[in-house]
């Protein structure tokens, strides 16, 4: 039973996360030959203050109008 863990910055819509889960499930079933009901996907969302690139948190970048 494949178990996939995905960590993303918070802020995506439910629809986006559902689309991600469907795409991951399709990729796993195609590449591993698993049945969709065997695939488990766990999404963890990080607060923007807890996610940084180059020493700048996503919250800081967003506040400054910069792309995260």
C-alpha atoms as a PDB file:
ATOM      1  CA  UNK A   1       0.000   0.000   0.000  1.00  0.00           C
ATOM      2  CA  UNK A   2       1.748   3.204  -1.143  1.00  0.00           C
ATOM      3  CA  UNK A   3       1.621   6.061   1.341  1.00  0.00           C
ATOM      4  CA  UNK A   4       2.532   9.451  -0.104  1.00  0.00           C
ATOM      5  CA  UNK A   5       3.281  12.460   2.100  1.00  0.00           C
ATOM      6  CA  UNK A   6       3.176  15.951   0.610  1.00  0.00           C
ATOM      7  CA  UNK A   7       4.156  19.136   2.439  1.00  0.00           C
ATOM      8  CA  UNK A   8       2.954  22.426   0.991  1.00  0.00           C
ATOM      9  CA  UNK A   9       2.640  26.025   2.144  1.00  0.00           C
ATOM     10  CA  UNK A  10      -0.852  26.808   3.407  1.00  0.00           C
ATOM     11  CA  UNK A  11      -3.302  28.740   1.296  1.00  0.00           C
ATOM     12  CA  UNK A  12      -4.382  26.355  -1.458  1.00  0.00           C
ATOM     13  CA  UNK A  13      -8.088  25.866  -2.002  1.00  0.00           C
ATOM     14  CA  UNK A  14      -9.813  22.585  -1.250  1.00  0.00           C
ATOM     15  CA  UNK A  15     -10.319  22.140  -5.003  1.00  0.00           C
ATOM     16  CA  UNK A  16      -6.562  22.483  -5.648  1.00  0.00           C
ATOM     17  CA  UNK A  17      -5.732  19.954  -2.943  1.00  0.00           C
ATOM     18  CA  UNK A  18      -8.315  17.514  -4.297  1.00  0.00           C
ATOM     19  CA  UNK A  19      -6.822  17.885  -7.777  1.00  0.00           C
ATOM     20  CA  UNK A  20      -3.355  17.216  -6.332  1.00  0.00           C
ATOM     21  CA  UNK A  21      -4.573  14.071  -4.573  1.00  0.00           C
ATOM     22  CA  UNK A  22      -6.200  12.801  -7.777  1.00  0.00           C
ATOM     23  CA  UNK A  23      -3.054  13.485  -9.829  1.00  0.00           C
ATOM     24  CA  UNK A  24      -0.787  11.789  -7.284  1.00  0.00           C
ATOM     25  CA  UNK A  25      -3.107   8.790  -7.082  1.00  0.00           C
ATOM     26  CA  UNK A  26      -3.145   8.477 -10.869  1.00  0.00           C
ATOM     27  CA  UNK A  27       0.656   8.711 -11.064  1.00  0.00           C
ATOM     28  CA  UNK A  28       1.138   6.077  -8.366  1.00  0.00           C
ATOM     29  CA  UNK A  29      -1.370   3.663  -9.866  1.00  0.00           C
ATOM     30  CA  UNK A  30       0.236   4.045 -13.287  1.00  0.00           C
ATOM     31  CA  UNK A  31       3.849   3.764 -12.143  1.00  0.00           C
ATOM     32  CA  UNK A  32       3.470   1.102  -9.429  1.00  0.00           C
ATOM     33  CA  UNK A  33       0.467  -0.800 -10.712  1.00  0.00           C
ATOM     34  CA  UNK A  34      -1.421  -0.202  -7.458  1.00  0.00           C
ATOM     35  CA  UNK A  35      -5.181   0.052  -7.321  1.00  0.00           C
ATOM     36  CA  UNK A  36      -6.477   3.551  -6.472  1.00  0.00           C
ATOM     37  CA  UNK A  37      -8.056   2.299  -3.240  1.00  0.00           C
ATOM     38  CA  UNK A  38      -4.613   1.177  -2.075  1.00  0.00           C
ATOM     39  CA  UNK A  39      -3.053   4.638  -2.420  1.00  0.00           C
ATOM     40  CA  UNK A  40      -2.910   6.876   0.646  1.00  0.00           C
ATOM     41  CA  UNK A  41      -2.040  10.575   0.300  1.00  0.00           C
ATOM     42  CA  UNK A  42      -1.390  12.805   3.297  1.00  0.00           C
ATOM     43  CA  UNK A  43      -1.126  16.566   2.868  1.00  0.00           C
ATOM     44  CA  UNK A  44       0.613  18.641   5.528  1.00  0.00           C
ATOM     45  CA  UNK A  45       0.264  22.399   5.287  1.00  0.00           C
ATOM     46  CA  UNK A  46       2.891  24.695   6.734  1.00  0.00           C
ATOM     47  CA  UNK A  47       1.982  28.160   7.971  1.00  0.00           C
ATOM     48  CA  UNK A  48       3.652  30.772   5.773  1.00  0.00           C
ATOM     49  CA  UNK A  49       5.724  31.939   8.752  1.00  0.00           C
ATOM     50  CA  UNK A  50       7.206  28.432   9.035  1.00  0.00           C
ATOM     51  CA  UNK A  51       8.396  28.130   5.433  1.00  0.00           C
ATOM     52  CA  UNK A  52      11.325  30.125   4.051  1.00  0.00           C
ATOM     53  CA  UNK A  53      13.568  30.361   1.019  1.00  0.00           C
ATOM     54  CA  UNK A  54      16.856  32.245   1.069  1.00  0.00           C
ATOM     55  CA  UNK A  55      16.227  33.446   4.617  1.00  0.00           C
ATOM     56  CA  UNK A  56      12.847  35.018   3.860  1.00  0.00           C
ATOM     57  CA  UNK A  57       9.619  33.438   5.049  1.00  0.00           C
ATOM     58  CA  UNK A  58       6.747  33.092   2.623  1.00  0.00           C
ATOM     59  CA  UNK A  59       4.728  35.377   4.912  1.00  0.00           C
ATOM     60  CA  UNK A  60       7.389  38.107   4.608  1.00  0.00           C
ATOM     61  CA  UNK A  61       7.561  37.699   0.837  1.00  0.00           C
ATOM     62  CA  UNK A  62       3.783  37.850   0.553  1.00  0.00           C
ATOM     63  CA  UNK A  63       3.646  40.970   2.744  1.00  0.00           C
ATOM     64  CA  UNK A  64       6.232  42.624   0.486  1.00  0.00           C
ATOM     65  CA  UNK A  65       4.335  41.701  -2.669  1.00  0.00           C
ATOM     66  CA  UNK A  66       7.072  39.293  -3.766  1.00  0.00           C
ATOM     67  CA  UNK A  67       6.368  35.921  -5.351  1.00  0.00           C
ATOM     68  CA  UNK A  68       6.803  33.061  -2.919  1.00  0.00           C
END
